[in-house]
């Protein structure tokens, strides 16, 4: 690794934020508006992949773009306020800064809505890059010289590995610890509360400098 302070990337949904309550409300609002049944409780168990992947369970292909645009439009009204920070999220970002590093967010979420979440919850990122899923996240991770990527989904593991970054996975989303390990995660934590101590030990061992 270089001698520069580390850049650490974080996923957003179910890594830094518990967006399930807000997303549930947004799906319910979209369902009511369109008259199309959406099982919002089921949908929030599958967070991670792009929105369009979930919408295909409920709408015909020719309506996916329209419904995606509408969902993103109503999202701020329904989803920002109910969403909570994940346990240890603020402390994890602060731990990166304590080592002189940069904390960036790389997410599949619509970037303006991702920024609204972070602002509302008082989580300050050095950069927020949206619209990237799985291996595509590697583009932003490489651009920002991220040496670690933290996420909750096997897609996040693939993104980290594609970028040549260390994959730190938290078992707080739809993928359990065994799935994350099988996907190739280098480190699996129960949640972000264990991240500061892990980072301290990793830096002390010369792992990111």
N, C-alpha and C. Protein backbone atom coordinates (compact mmCIF):
# COMPACT_ATOMS: atom_id res chain seq x y z
N UNK A 1 0.83 -1.20 0.00
CA UNK A 1 0.00 0.00 0.00
C UNK A 1 0.88 1.26 0.00
N UNK A 2 0.24 2.36 -0.34
CA UNK A 2 0.98 3.61 -0.36
C UNK A 2 1.11 4.17 1.04
N UNK A 3 1.89 5.24 1.15
CA UNK A 3 2.10 5.85 2.46
C UNK A 3 1.02 6.86 2.78
N UNK A 4 0.09 7.08 1.85
CA UNK A 4 -0.96 8.05 2.10
C UNK A 4 -1.99 7.50 3.08
N UNK A 5 -2.70 8.41 3.72
CA UNK A 5 -3.78 7.99 4.60
C UNK A 5 -4.83 7.25 3.78
N UNK A 6 -5.51 6.29 4.38
CA UNK A 6 -6.40 5.42 3.60
C UNK A 6 -7.70 6.10 3.19
N UNK A 7 -8.18 5.72 2.02
CA UNK A 7 -9.56 6.01 1.64
C UNK A 7 -10.37 4.73 1.83
N UNK A 8 -11.45 4.84 2.57
CA UNK A 8 -12.32 3.69 2.83
C UNK A 8 -13.69 3.98 2.22
N UNK A 9 -14.16 3.06 1.42
CA UNK A 9 -15.49 3.18 0.84
C UNK A 9 -16.52 2.44 1.67
N UNK A 10 -17.72 2.99 1.72
CA UNK A 10 -18.84 2.35 2.41
C UNK A 10 -20.03 2.25 1.46
N UNK A 11 -20.71 1.13 1.52
CA UNK A 11 -22.03 1.03 0.92
C UNK A 11 -23.00 1.83 1.78
N UNK A 12 -24.22 2.05 1.28
CA UNK A 12 -25.18 2.87 2.04
C UNK A 12 -26.27 2.02 2.69
N UNK A 13 -27.20 1.51 1.88
CA UNK A 13 -28.35 0.77 2.44
C UNK A 13 -27.91 -0.47 3.18
N UNK A 14 -28.32 -0.58 4.42
CA UNK A 14 -28.07 -1.70 5.31
C UNK A 14 -26.59 -1.85 5.69
N UNK A 15 -25.77 -0.88 5.30
CA UNK A 15 -24.40 -0.79 5.79
C UNK A 15 -24.29 0.43 6.71
N UNK A 16 -24.48 1.63 6.15
CA UNK A 16 -24.48 2.83 6.96
C UNK A 16 -25.86 3.21 7.47
N UNK A 17 -26.90 2.88 6.70
CA UNK A 17 -28.25 3.27 7.10
C UNK A 17 -29.21 2.09 7.04
N UNK A 18 -30.17 2.08 7.96
CA UNK A 18 -31.27 1.12 7.90
C UNK A 18 -32.41 1.81 7.18
N UNK A 19 -32.43 1.63 5.88
CA UNK A 19 -33.42 2.33 5.05
C UNK A 19 -34.71 1.55 4.88
N UNK A 20 -34.83 0.41 5.54
CA UNK A 20 -36.03 -0.41 5.36
C UNK A 20 -37.33 0.32 5.70
N UNK A 21 -37.42 1.05 6.82
CA UNK A 21 -38.68 1.73 7.11
C UNK A 21 -39.06 2.75 6.04
N UNK A 22 -38.08 3.51 5.57
CA UNK A 22 -38.36 4.53 4.56
C UNK A 22 -38.69 3.93 3.21
N UNK A 23 -37.94 2.93 2.80
CA UNK A 23 -38.20 2.29 1.51
C UNK A 23 -39.55 1.61 1.52
N UNK A 24 -39.89 1.01 2.64
CA UNK A 24 -41.23 0.39 2.76
C UNK A 24 -42.32 1.41 2.50
N UNK A 25 -42.17 2.59 3.10
CA UNK A 25 -43.19 3.63 2.90
C UNK A 25 -43.22 4.12 1.45
N UNK A 26 -42.07 4.22 0.83
CA UNK A 26 -42.02 4.67 -0.57
C UNK A 26 -42.69 3.66 -1.48
N UNK A 27 -42.45 2.39 -1.26
CA UNK A 27 -43.11 1.36 -2.07
C UNK A 27 -44.62 1.37 -1.84
N UNK A 28 -45.03 1.55 -0.60
CA UNK A 28 -46.47 1.59 -0.33
C UNK A 28 -47.12 2.78 -1.02
N UNK A 29 -46.42 3.90 -1.04
CA UNK A 29 -46.96 5.08 -1.72
C UNK A 29 -47.05 4.85 -3.23
N UNK A 30 -46.02 4.22 -3.80
CA UNK A 30 -46.04 3.92 -5.23
C UNK A 30 -47.16 2.95 -5.56
N UNK A 31 -47.37 1.97 -4.70
CA UNK A 31 -48.44 1.00 -4.90
C UNK A 31 -49.81 1.68 -4.87
N UNK A 32 -50.00 2.55 -3.89
CA UNK A 32 -51.29 3.25 -3.78
C UNK A 32 -51.53 4.15 -4.98
N UNK A 33 -50.49 4.81 -5.44
CA UNK A 33 -50.62 5.75 -6.55
C UNK A 33 -50.92 5.05 -7.86
N UNK A 34 -50.31 3.88 -8.07
CA UNK A 34 -50.43 3.18 -9.35
C UNK A 34 -51.53 2.12 -9.35
N UNK A 35 -52.01 1.74 -8.15
CA UNK A 35 -52.98 0.66 -8.08
C UNK A 35 -52.38 -0.71 -8.32
N UNK A 36 -51.07 -0.80 -8.27
CA UNK A 36 -50.36 -2.06 -8.50
C UNK A 36 -49.89 -2.62 -7.16
N UNK A 37 -50.18 -3.88 -6.91
CA UNK A 37 -49.77 -4.49 -5.65
C UNK A 37 -48.24 -4.60 -5.59
N UNK A 38 -47.66 -4.14 -4.50
CA UNK A 38 -46.24 -4.32 -4.20
C UNK A 38 -46.16 -4.82 -2.77
N UNK A 39 -45.51 -5.94 -2.56
CA UNK A 39 -45.30 -6.44 -1.20
C UNK A 39 -44.09 -5.71 -0.64
N UNK A 40 -44.35 -4.59 0.01
CA UNK A 40 -43.27 -3.74 0.50
C UNK A 40 -42.43 -4.44 1.56
N UNK A 41 -43.07 -5.27 2.39
CA UNK A 41 -42.34 -5.99 3.43
C UNK A 41 -41.35 -6.98 2.81
N UNK A 42 -41.75 -7.61 1.71
CA UNK A 42 -40.85 -8.52 1.01
C UNK A 42 -39.74 -7.75 0.30
N UNK A 43 -40.11 -6.65 -0.32
CA UNK A 43 -39.13 -5.88 -1.10
C UNK A 43 -37.97 -5.41 -0.23
N UNK A 44 -38.24 -5.03 1.01
CA UNK A 44 -37.15 -4.51 1.84
C UNK A 44 -36.24 -5.60 2.39
N UNK A 45 -36.58 -6.86 2.15
CA UNK A 45 -35.66 -7.94 2.51
C UNK A 45 -34.63 -8.19 1.42
N UNK A 46 -34.77 -7.49 0.28
CA UNK A 46 -33.91 -7.75 -0.88
C UNK A 46 -33.10 -6.51 -1.27
N UNK A 47 -32.83 -5.64 -0.32
CA UNK A 47 -32.12 -4.41 -0.64
C UNK A 47 -30.67 -4.69 -1.04
N UNK A 48 -30.18 -3.86 -1.94
CA UNK A 48 -28.81 -4.01 -2.42
C UNK A 48 -28.74 -3.76 -3.91
N UNK A 49 -29.37 -4.63 -4.70
CA UNK A 49 -29.36 -4.44 -6.16
C UNK A 49 -30.10 -3.18 -6.58
N UNK A 50 -29.91 -2.76 -7.83
CA UNK A 50 -30.59 -1.55 -8.31
C UNK A 50 -32.11 -1.66 -8.20
N UNK A 51 -32.73 -0.50 -8.05
CA UNK A 51 -34.18 -0.41 -7.92
C UNK A 51 -34.91 -1.16 -9.02
N UNK A 52 -34.45 -1.03 -10.25
CA UNK A 52 -35.15 -1.64 -11.38
C UNK A 52 -35.28 -3.15 -11.23
N UNK A 53 -34.32 -3.77 -10.58
CA UNK A 53 -34.39 -5.22 -10.38
C UNK A 53 -35.58 -5.58 -9.51
N UNK A 54 -35.85 -4.80 -8.48
CA UNK A 54 -37.01 -5.06 -7.63
C UNK A 54 -38.31 -4.72 -8.35
N UNK A 55 -38.33 -3.62 -9.08
CA UNK A 55 -39.56 -3.22 -9.76
C UNK A 55 -40.03 -4.26 -10.76
N UNK A 56 -39.12 -5.04 -11.32
CA UNK A 56 -39.50 -6.07 -12.29
C UNK A 56 -40.36 -7.17 -11.67
N UNK A 57 -40.34 -7.26 -10.34
CA UNK A 57 -41.22 -8.23 -9.68
C UNK A 57 -42.68 -7.77 -9.70
N UNK A 58 -42.91 -6.48 -9.96
CA UNK A 58 -44.25 -5.92 -9.78
C UNK A 58 -44.82 -5.24 -11.03
N UNK A 59 -43.96 -4.83 -11.94
CA UNK A 59 -44.42 -4.10 -13.12
C UNK A 59 -43.89 -4.75 -14.39
N UNK A 60 -44.64 -4.62 -15.50
CA UNK A 60 -44.12 -5.12 -16.78
C UNK A 60 -42.91 -4.31 -17.23
N UNK A 61 -42.10 -4.93 -18.07
CA UNK A 61 -40.83 -4.32 -18.48
C UNK A 61 -41.02 -2.93 -19.06
N UNK A 62 -42.10 -2.74 -19.82
CA UNK A 62 -42.27 -1.44 -20.49
C UNK A 62 -42.58 -0.30 -19.52
N UNK A 63 -42.86 -0.62 -18.26
CA UNK A 63 -43.16 0.42 -17.27
C UNK A 63 -42.02 0.64 -16.27
N UNK A 64 -40.97 -0.12 -16.39
CA UNK A 64 -39.91 -0.06 -15.38
C UNK A 64 -39.26 1.31 -15.31
N UNK A 65 -38.91 1.88 -16.43
CA UNK A 65 -38.26 3.20 -16.39
C UNK A 65 -39.19 4.24 -15.80
N UNK A 66 -40.45 4.23 -16.22
CA UNK A 66 -41.43 5.19 -15.70
C UNK A 66 -41.59 5.04 -14.19
N UNK A 67 -41.72 3.80 -13.73
CA UNK A 67 -41.93 3.57 -12.30
C UNK A 67 -40.67 3.88 -11.49
N UNK A 68 -39.51 3.60 -12.07
CA UNK A 68 -38.27 3.95 -11.38
C UNK A 68 -38.14 5.45 -11.21
N UNK A 69 -38.46 6.18 -12.27
CA UNK A 69 -38.40 7.64 -12.19
C UNK A 69 -39.39 8.17 -11.15
N UNK A 70 -40.57 7.60 -11.14
CA UNK A 70 -41.58 8.07 -10.19
C UNK A 70 -41.20 7.73 -8.75
N UNK A 71 -40.70 6.53 -8.54
CA UNK A 71 -40.26 6.13 -7.21
C UNK A 71 -39.20 7.10 -6.68
N UNK A 72 -38.21 7.40 -7.51
CA UNK A 72 -37.14 8.30 -7.08
C UNK A 72 -37.67 9.71 -6.81
N UNK A 73 -38.71 10.09 -7.54
CA UNK A 73 -39.30 11.41 -7.35
C UNK A 73 -40.01 11.53 -6.01
N UNK A 74 -40.75 10.49 -5.63
CA UNK A 74 -41.50 10.54 -4.37
C UNK A 74 -40.66 10.10 -3.17
N UNK A 75 -39.52 9.51 -3.43
CA UNK A 75 -38.69 8.95 -2.37
C UNK A 75 -38.38 9.94 -1.25
N UNK A 76 -37.95 11.17 -1.56
CA UNK A 76 -37.62 12.09 -0.47
C UNK A 76 -38.79 12.36 0.47
N UNK A 77 -40.00 12.35 -0.07
CA UNK A 77 -41.18 12.64 0.76
C UNK A 77 -41.43 11.53 1.77
N UNK A 78 -41.20 10.30 1.37
CA UNK A 78 -41.59 9.17 2.21
C UNK A 78 -40.43 8.47 2.92
N UNK A 79 -39.23 8.52 2.36
CA UNK A 79 -38.19 7.61 2.83
C UNK A 79 -37.10 8.22 3.69
N UNK A 80 -36.92 9.52 3.64
CA UNK A 80 -35.78 10.11 4.36
C UNK A 80 -35.99 10.12 5.87
N UNK A 81 -37.10 10.66 6.31
CA UNK A 81 -37.33 10.82 7.74
C UNK A 81 -37.37 9.51 8.51
N UNK A 82 -38.02 8.43 8.02
CA UNK A 82 -38.07 7.19 8.80
C UNK A 82 -36.75 6.42 8.87
N UNK A 83 -35.81 6.76 8.02
CA UNK A 83 -34.57 5.98 7.93
C UNK A 83 -33.62 6.31 9.08
N UNK A 84 -32.98 5.29 9.61
CA UNK A 84 -32.10 5.41 10.77
C UNK A 84 -30.66 5.09 10.39
N UNK A 85 -29.73 5.61 11.15
CA UNK A 85 -28.33 5.20 11.00
C UNK A 85 -28.17 3.80 11.58
N UNK A 86 -27.36 2.99 10.93
CA UNK A 86 -27.05 1.67 11.48
C UNK A 86 -26.17 1.81 12.72
N UNK A 87 -26.27 0.89 13.66
CA UNK A 87 -25.40 0.95 14.83
C UNK A 87 -23.93 1.02 14.42
N UNK A 88 -23.24 1.99 14.95
CA UNK A 88 -21.82 2.15 14.68
C UNK A 88 -21.48 2.89 13.41
N UNK A 89 -22.48 3.37 12.67
CA UNK A 89 -22.20 4.02 11.38
C UNK A 89 -21.36 5.28 11.55
N UNK A 90 -21.81 6.16 12.42
CA UNK A 90 -21.07 7.42 12.59
C UNK A 90 -19.67 7.15 13.14
N UNK A 91 -19.58 6.21 14.04
CA UNK A 91 -18.28 5.88 14.63
C UNK A 91 -17.33 5.27 13.60
N UNK A 92 -17.88 4.50 12.66
CA UNK A 92 -17.05 3.89 11.62
C UNK A 92 -16.44 4.96 10.72
N UNK A 93 -17.26 5.92 10.32
CA UNK A 93 -16.76 7.02 9.50
C UNK A 93 -15.73 7.84 10.28
N UNK A 94 -16.03 8.10 11.54
CA UNK A 94 -15.10 8.86 12.38
C UNK A 94 -13.77 8.12 12.55
N UNK A 95 -13.81 6.80 12.59
CA UNK A 95 -12.59 6.02 12.74
C UNK A 95 -11.66 6.20 11.54
N UNK A 96 -12.25 6.28 10.35
CA UNK A 96 -11.44 6.52 9.16
C UNK A 96 -10.77 7.89 9.26
N UNK A 97 -11.54 8.88 9.67
CA UNK A 97 -10.99 10.24 9.79
C UNK A 97 -9.92 10.31 10.88
N UNK A 98 -10.10 9.52 11.93
CA UNK A 98 -9.12 9.53 13.03
C UNK A 98 -7.75 9.07 12.55
N UNK A 99 -7.74 8.29 11.49
CA UNK A 99 -6.47 7.85 10.91
C UNK A 99 -6.03 8.75 9.76
N UNK A 100 -6.68 9.91 9.63
CA UNK A 100 -6.33 10.85 8.58
C UNK A 100 -6.83 10.47 7.21
N UNK A 101 -7.77 9.53 7.18
CA UNK A 101 -8.26 9.03 5.91
C UNK A 101 -9.51 9.72 5.41
N UNK A 102 -9.97 9.30 4.24
CA UNK A 102 -11.19 9.80 3.63
C UNK A 102 -12.23 8.68 3.63
N UNK A 103 -13.47 9.05 3.91
CA UNK A 103 -14.59 8.11 3.89
C UNK A 103 -15.50 8.48 2.73
N UNK A 104 -15.68 7.56 1.79
CA UNK A 104 -16.57 7.81 0.65
C UNK A 104 -17.71 6.81 0.68
N UNK A 105 -18.81 7.19 0.06
CA UNK A 105 -19.96 6.30 -0.05
C UNK A 105 -20.15 5.95 -1.51
N UNK A 106 -20.21 4.66 -1.80
CA UNK A 106 -20.44 4.17 -3.16
C UNK A 106 -21.65 3.25 -3.10
N UNK A 107 -22.71 3.63 -3.79
CA UNK A 107 -24.00 2.98 -3.62
C UNK A 107 -24.73 2.82 -4.95
N UNK A 108 -25.64 1.85 -4.98
CA UNK A 108 -26.50 1.70 -6.16
C UNK A 108 -27.65 2.70 -6.13
N UNK A 109 -27.84 3.37 -5.01
CA UNK A 109 -28.96 4.29 -4.87
C UNK A 109 -28.79 5.53 -5.73
N UNK A 110 -29.93 6.11 -6.12
CA UNK A 110 -29.97 7.40 -6.80
C UNK A 110 -29.16 8.40 -5.97
N UNK A 111 -28.13 8.98 -6.58
CA UNK A 111 -27.16 9.77 -5.81
C UNK A 111 -27.78 10.93 -5.03
N UNK A 112 -28.71 11.72 -5.60
CA UNK A 112 -29.30 12.80 -4.80
C UNK A 112 -30.02 12.29 -3.55
N UNK A 113 -30.69 11.15 -3.66
CA UNK A 113 -31.38 10.61 -2.49
C UNK A 113 -30.39 10.07 -1.46
N UNK A 114 -29.28 9.50 -1.93
CA UNK A 114 -28.24 9.05 -1.01
C UNK A 114 -27.71 10.22 -0.19
N UNK A 115 -27.48 11.34 -0.87
CA UNK A 115 -26.98 12.53 -0.17
C UNK A 115 -27.99 13.07 0.83
N UNK A 116 -29.28 13.00 0.49
CA UNK A 116 -30.32 13.44 1.43
C UNK A 116 -30.28 12.61 2.71
N UNK A 117 -30.11 11.30 2.57
CA UNK A 117 -30.03 10.43 3.74
C UNK A 117 -28.86 10.84 4.64
N UNK A 118 -27.71 10.99 4.05
CA UNK A 118 -26.51 11.30 4.83
C UNK A 118 -26.63 12.65 5.53
N UNK A 119 -27.18 13.63 4.83
CA UNK A 119 -27.37 14.94 5.43
C UNK A 119 -28.35 14.88 6.59
N UNK A 120 -29.46 14.17 6.37
CA UNK A 120 -30.48 14.06 7.41
C UNK A 120 -29.93 13.40 8.67
N UNK A 121 -29.05 12.41 8.49
CA UNK A 121 -28.54 11.65 9.62
C UNK A 121 -27.23 12.21 10.17
N UNK A 122 -26.71 13.25 9.53
CA UNK A 122 -25.48 13.85 10.02
C UNK A 122 -24.26 12.98 9.83
N UNK A 123 -24.26 12.17 8.77
CA UNK A 123 -23.10 11.35 8.44
C UNK A 123 -22.38 12.05 7.29
N UNK A 124 -21.17 12.51 7.53
CA UNK A 124 -20.44 13.30 6.55
C UNK A 124 -19.47 12.43 5.76
N UNK A 125 -19.71 12.35 4.46
CA UNK A 125 -18.82 11.61 3.58
C UNK A 125 -17.99 12.59 2.76
N UNK A 126 -16.78 12.18 2.42
CA UNK A 126 -15.91 13.02 1.59
C UNK A 126 -16.34 13.02 0.13
N UNK A 127 -17.03 11.98 -0.28
CA UNK A 127 -17.60 11.90 -1.62
C UNK A 127 -18.74 10.90 -1.59
N UNK A 128 -19.74 11.13 -2.42
CA UNK A 128 -20.87 10.21 -2.54
C UNK A 128 -21.05 9.92 -4.03
N UNK A 129 -20.98 8.64 -4.37
CA UNK A 129 -21.10 8.22 -5.76
C UNK A 129 -22.24 7.22 -5.85
N UNK A 130 -23.25 7.55 -6.64
CA UNK A 130 -24.42 6.70 -6.75
C UNK A 130 -24.50 5.97 -8.09
N UNK A 131 -25.57 5.18 -8.21
CA UNK A 131 -25.89 4.47 -9.45
C UNK A 131 -24.90 3.36 -9.79
N UNK A 132 -24.16 2.85 -8.83
CA UNK A 132 -23.19 1.79 -9.11
C UNK A 132 -23.51 0.55 -8.29
N UNK A 133 -23.51 -0.59 -8.95
CA UNK A 133 -23.87 -1.85 -8.30
C UNK A 133 -22.82 -2.91 -8.58
N UNK A 134 -22.49 -3.68 -7.57
CA UNK A 134 -21.60 -4.83 -7.67
C UNK A 134 -20.28 -4.44 -8.33
N UNK A 135 -19.88 -5.17 -9.39
CA UNK A 135 -18.57 -4.93 -10.01
C UNK A 135 -18.40 -3.49 -10.49
N UNK A 136 -19.50 -2.84 -10.88
CA UNK A 136 -19.41 -1.45 -11.35
C UNK A 136 -18.92 -0.50 -10.26
N UNK A 137 -19.08 -0.88 -8.99
CA UNK A 137 -18.59 -0.03 -7.91
C UNK A 137 -17.07 0.13 -7.96
N UNK A 138 -16.41 -0.82 -8.60
CA UNK A 138 -14.96 -0.78 -8.68
C UNK A 138 -14.47 0.48 -9.38
N UNK A 139 -15.26 1.00 -10.32
CA UNK A 139 -14.84 2.22 -11.05
C UNK A 139 -14.62 3.37 -10.07
N UNK A 140 -15.60 3.60 -9.19
CA UNK A 140 -15.48 4.69 -8.23
C UNK A 140 -14.42 4.39 -7.17
N UNK A 141 -14.33 3.14 -6.74
CA UNK A 141 -13.34 2.79 -5.73
C UNK A 141 -11.92 3.03 -6.25
N UNK A 142 -11.68 2.66 -7.50
CA UNK A 142 -10.36 2.90 -8.08
C UNK A 142 -10.10 4.39 -8.28
N UNK A 143 -11.14 5.11 -8.74
CA UNK A 143 -10.98 6.54 -8.98
C UNK A 143 -10.56 7.28 -7.72
N UNK A 144 -11.10 6.85 -6.57
CA UNK A 144 -10.81 7.51 -5.30
C UNK A 144 -9.71 6.80 -4.51
N UNK A 145 -9.05 5.83 -5.14
CA UNK A 145 -7.95 5.11 -4.49
C UNK A 145 -8.36 4.45 -3.17
N UNK A 146 -9.57 3.91 -3.15
CA UNK A 146 -10.04 3.24 -1.93
C UNK A 146 -9.31 1.92 -1.74
N UNK A 147 -8.82 1.72 -0.53
CA UNK A 147 -8.09 0.48 -0.23
C UNK A 147 -8.95 -0.51 0.54
N UNK A 148 -10.08 -0.05 1.05
CA UNK A 148 -11.04 -0.90 1.77
C UNK A 148 -12.44 -0.52 1.29
N UNK A 149 -13.29 -1.53 1.11
CA UNK A 149 -14.70 -1.24 0.83
C UNK A 149 -15.55 -2.06 1.78
N UNK A 150 -16.46 -1.37 2.46
CA UNK A 150 -17.30 -1.98 3.49
C UNK A 150 -18.72 -2.07 2.97
N UNK A 151 -19.29 -3.26 2.97
CA UNK A 151 -20.66 -3.44 2.50
C UNK A 151 -21.32 -4.64 3.13
N UNK A 152 -22.61 -4.80 2.83
CA UNK A 152 -23.39 -5.86 3.46
C UNK A 152 -23.86 -6.93 2.50
N UNK A 153 -23.55 -6.80 1.22
CA UNK A 153 -24.10 -7.68 0.19
C UNK A 153 -22.97 -8.36 -0.56
N UNK A 154 -23.25 -9.54 -1.10
CA UNK A 154 -22.23 -10.22 -1.90
C UNK A 154 -21.84 -9.36 -3.12
N UNK A 155 -22.75 -8.53 -3.60
CA UNK A 155 -22.40 -7.61 -4.67
C UNK A 155 -21.34 -6.62 -4.24
N UNK A 156 -21.37 -6.21 -2.97
CA UNK A 156 -20.34 -5.31 -2.44
C UNK A 156 -18.99 -6.01 -2.38
N UNK A 157 -19.01 -7.28 -2.02
CA UNK A 157 -17.77 -8.06 -2.00
C UNK A 157 -17.18 -8.11 -3.40
N UNK A 158 -18.01 -8.37 -4.39
CA UNK A 158 -17.53 -8.45 -5.77
C UNK A 158 -16.96 -7.09 -6.22
N UNK A 159 -17.62 -6.01 -5.82
CA UNK A 159 -17.12 -4.69 -6.17
C UNK A 159 -15.76 -4.43 -5.58
N UNK A 160 -15.58 -4.77 -4.31
CA UNK A 160 -14.29 -4.57 -3.65
C UNK A 160 -13.20 -5.38 -4.33
N UNK A 161 -13.49 -6.64 -4.60
CA UNK A 161 -12.49 -7.52 -5.19
C UNK A 161 -12.12 -7.07 -6.61
N UNK A 162 -13.11 -6.60 -7.36
CA UNK A 162 -12.84 -6.11 -8.71
C UNK A 162 -11.92 -4.90 -8.67
N UNK A 163 -12.09 -4.07 -7.63
CA UNK A 163 -11.27 -2.87 -7.49
C UNK A 163 -9.90 -3.15 -6.89
N UNK A 164 -9.69 -4.37 -6.42
CA UNK A 164 -8.44 -4.67 -5.74
C UNK A 164 -8.39 -4.12 -4.33
N UNK A 165 -9.56 -3.81 -3.76
CA UNK A 165 -9.65 -3.30 -2.40
C UNK A 165 -9.95 -4.44 -1.43
N UNK A 166 -9.61 -4.25 -0.18
CA UNK A 166 -9.94 -5.22 0.84
C UNK A 166 -11.45 -5.19 1.07
N UNK A 167 -12.08 -6.34 1.07
CA UNK A 167 -13.52 -6.43 1.29
C UNK A 167 -13.81 -6.67 2.77
N UNK A 168 -14.42 -5.69 3.40
CA UNK A 168 -14.90 -5.84 4.78
C UNK A 168 -16.42 -5.90 4.71
N UNK A 169 -16.99 -7.00 5.15
CA UNK A 169 -18.43 -7.20 5.06
C UNK A 169 -19.06 -7.17 6.44
N UNK A 170 -20.25 -6.59 6.51
CA UNK A 170 -21.03 -6.59 7.75
C UNK A 170 -22.31 -7.38 7.51
N UNK A 171 -22.64 -8.24 8.45
CA UNK A 171 -23.80 -9.13 8.28
C UNK A 171 -25.07 -8.44 8.78
N UNK A 172 -25.34 -7.27 8.22
CA UNK A 172 -26.50 -6.48 8.66
C UNK A 172 -27.55 -6.35 7.57
N UNK A 173 -27.30 -6.93 6.40
CA UNK A 173 -28.23 -6.83 5.30
C UNK A 173 -28.83 -8.18 4.93
N UNK A 174 -29.16 -8.38 3.66
CA UNK A 174 -29.83 -9.62 3.25
C UNK A 174 -28.91 -10.83 3.18
N UNK A 175 -27.60 -10.64 3.24
CA UNK A 175 -26.65 -11.75 3.13
C UNK A 175 -26.06 -12.05 4.51
N UNK A 176 -26.10 -13.33 4.89
CA UNK A 176 -25.54 -13.68 6.20
C UNK A 176 -24.03 -13.85 6.11
N UNK A 177 -23.42 -14.07 7.26
CA UNK A 177 -21.96 -14.13 7.33
C UNK A 177 -21.40 -15.23 6.44
N UNK A 178 -22.07 -16.38 6.40
CA UNK A 178 -21.58 -17.49 5.58
C UNK A 178 -21.60 -17.12 4.10
N UNK A 179 -22.66 -16.47 3.65
CA UNK A 179 -22.74 -16.04 2.24
C UNK A 179 -21.63 -15.05 1.91
N UNK A 180 -21.39 -14.12 2.82
CA UNK A 180 -20.37 -13.10 2.59
C UNK A 180 -18.98 -13.72 2.51
N UNK A 181 -18.72 -14.67 3.39
CA UNK A 181 -17.42 -15.36 3.34
C UNK A 181 -17.28 -16.16 2.06
N UNK A 182 -18.35 -16.86 1.68
CA UNK A 182 -18.31 -17.67 0.46
C UNK A 182 -18.08 -16.81 -0.78
N UNK A 183 -18.56 -15.55 -0.73
CA UNK A 183 -18.37 -14.64 -1.86
C UNK A 183 -16.95 -14.09 -1.94
N UNK A 184 -16.17 -14.30 -0.86
CA UNK A 184 -14.79 -13.87 -0.88
C UNK A 184 -14.45 -12.69 0.00
N UNK A 185 -15.34 -12.33 0.94
CA UNK A 185 -15.03 -11.23 1.85
C UNK A 185 -13.77 -11.54 2.63
N UNK A 186 -12.89 -10.55 2.74
CA UNK A 186 -11.65 -10.74 3.50
C UNK A 186 -11.90 -10.70 5.00
N UNK A 187 -12.87 -9.89 5.42
CA UNK A 187 -13.21 -9.72 6.84
C UNK A 187 -14.73 -9.70 6.93
N UNK A 188 -15.29 -10.39 7.91
CA UNK A 188 -16.74 -10.34 8.14
C UNK A 188 -16.96 -9.92 9.59
N UNK A 189 -17.70 -8.81 9.75
CA UNK A 189 -18.04 -8.30 11.08
C UNK A 189 -19.53 -8.45 11.31
N UNK A 190 -19.92 -8.57 12.56
CA UNK A 190 -21.34 -8.66 12.88
C UNK A 190 -22.06 -7.39 12.47
N UNK A 191 -21.46 -6.26 12.79
CA UNK A 191 -22.01 -4.96 12.37
C UNK A 191 -20.88 -3.93 12.44
N UNK A 192 -21.19 -2.68 12.14
CA UNK A 192 -20.16 -1.65 12.08
C UNK A 192 -19.56 -1.30 13.43
N UNK A 193 -20.19 -1.72 14.51
CA UNK A 193 -19.64 -1.38 15.82
C UNK A 193 -18.25 -1.99 16.01
N UNK A 194 -17.96 -3.05 15.28
CA UNK A 194 -16.63 -3.66 15.38
C UNK A 194 -15.61 -3.07 14.42
N UNK A 195 -16.04 -2.14 13.57
CA UNK A 195 -15.14 -1.64 12.54
C UNK A 195 -14.01 -0.77 13.09
N UNK A 196 -14.25 0.17 14.02
CA UNK A 196 -13.13 1.00 14.50
C UNK A 196 -11.98 0.19 15.08
N UNK A 197 -12.29 -0.83 15.88
CA UNK A 197 -11.23 -1.65 16.47
C UNK A 197 -10.50 -2.43 15.38
N UNK A 198 -11.27 -2.94 14.40
CA UNK A 198 -10.62 -3.65 13.30
C UNK A 198 -9.69 -2.72 12.53
N UNK A 199 -10.15 -1.50 12.25
CA UNK A 199 -9.33 -0.56 11.49
C UNK A 199 -8.08 -0.18 12.26
N UNK A 200 -8.24 0.04 13.56
CA UNK A 200 -7.06 0.35 14.40
C UNK A 200 -6.01 -0.75 14.26
N UNK A 201 -6.45 -1.99 14.38
CA UNK A 201 -5.52 -3.12 14.31
C UNK A 201 -4.93 -3.25 12.92
N UNK A 202 -5.74 -3.00 11.92
CA UNK A 202 -5.27 -3.13 10.54
C UNK A 202 -4.22 -2.07 10.21
N UNK A 203 -4.49 -0.84 10.63
CA UNK A 203 -3.51 0.24 10.41
C UNK A 203 -2.23 -0.04 11.19
N UNK A 204 -2.38 -0.50 12.44
CA UNK A 204 -1.20 -0.80 13.26
C UNK A 204 -0.33 -1.86 12.61
N UNK A 205 -0.97 -2.76 11.88
CA UNK A 205 -0.23 -3.82 11.20
C UNK A 205 0.30 -3.42 9.83
N UNK A 206 0.11 -2.16 9.48
CA UNK A 206 0.61 -1.66 8.20
C UNK A 206 -0.27 -2.02 7.03
N UNK A 207 -1.52 -2.37 7.32
CA UNK A 207 -2.39 -2.88 6.26
C UNK A 207 -2.91 -1.85 5.29
N UNK A 208 -2.95 -0.57 5.66
CA UNK A 208 -3.51 0.41 4.74
C UNK A 208 -2.56 1.56 4.47
N UNK A 209 -1.34 1.48 4.92
CA UNK A 209 -0.43 2.63 4.73
C UNK A 209 0.81 2.23 3.91
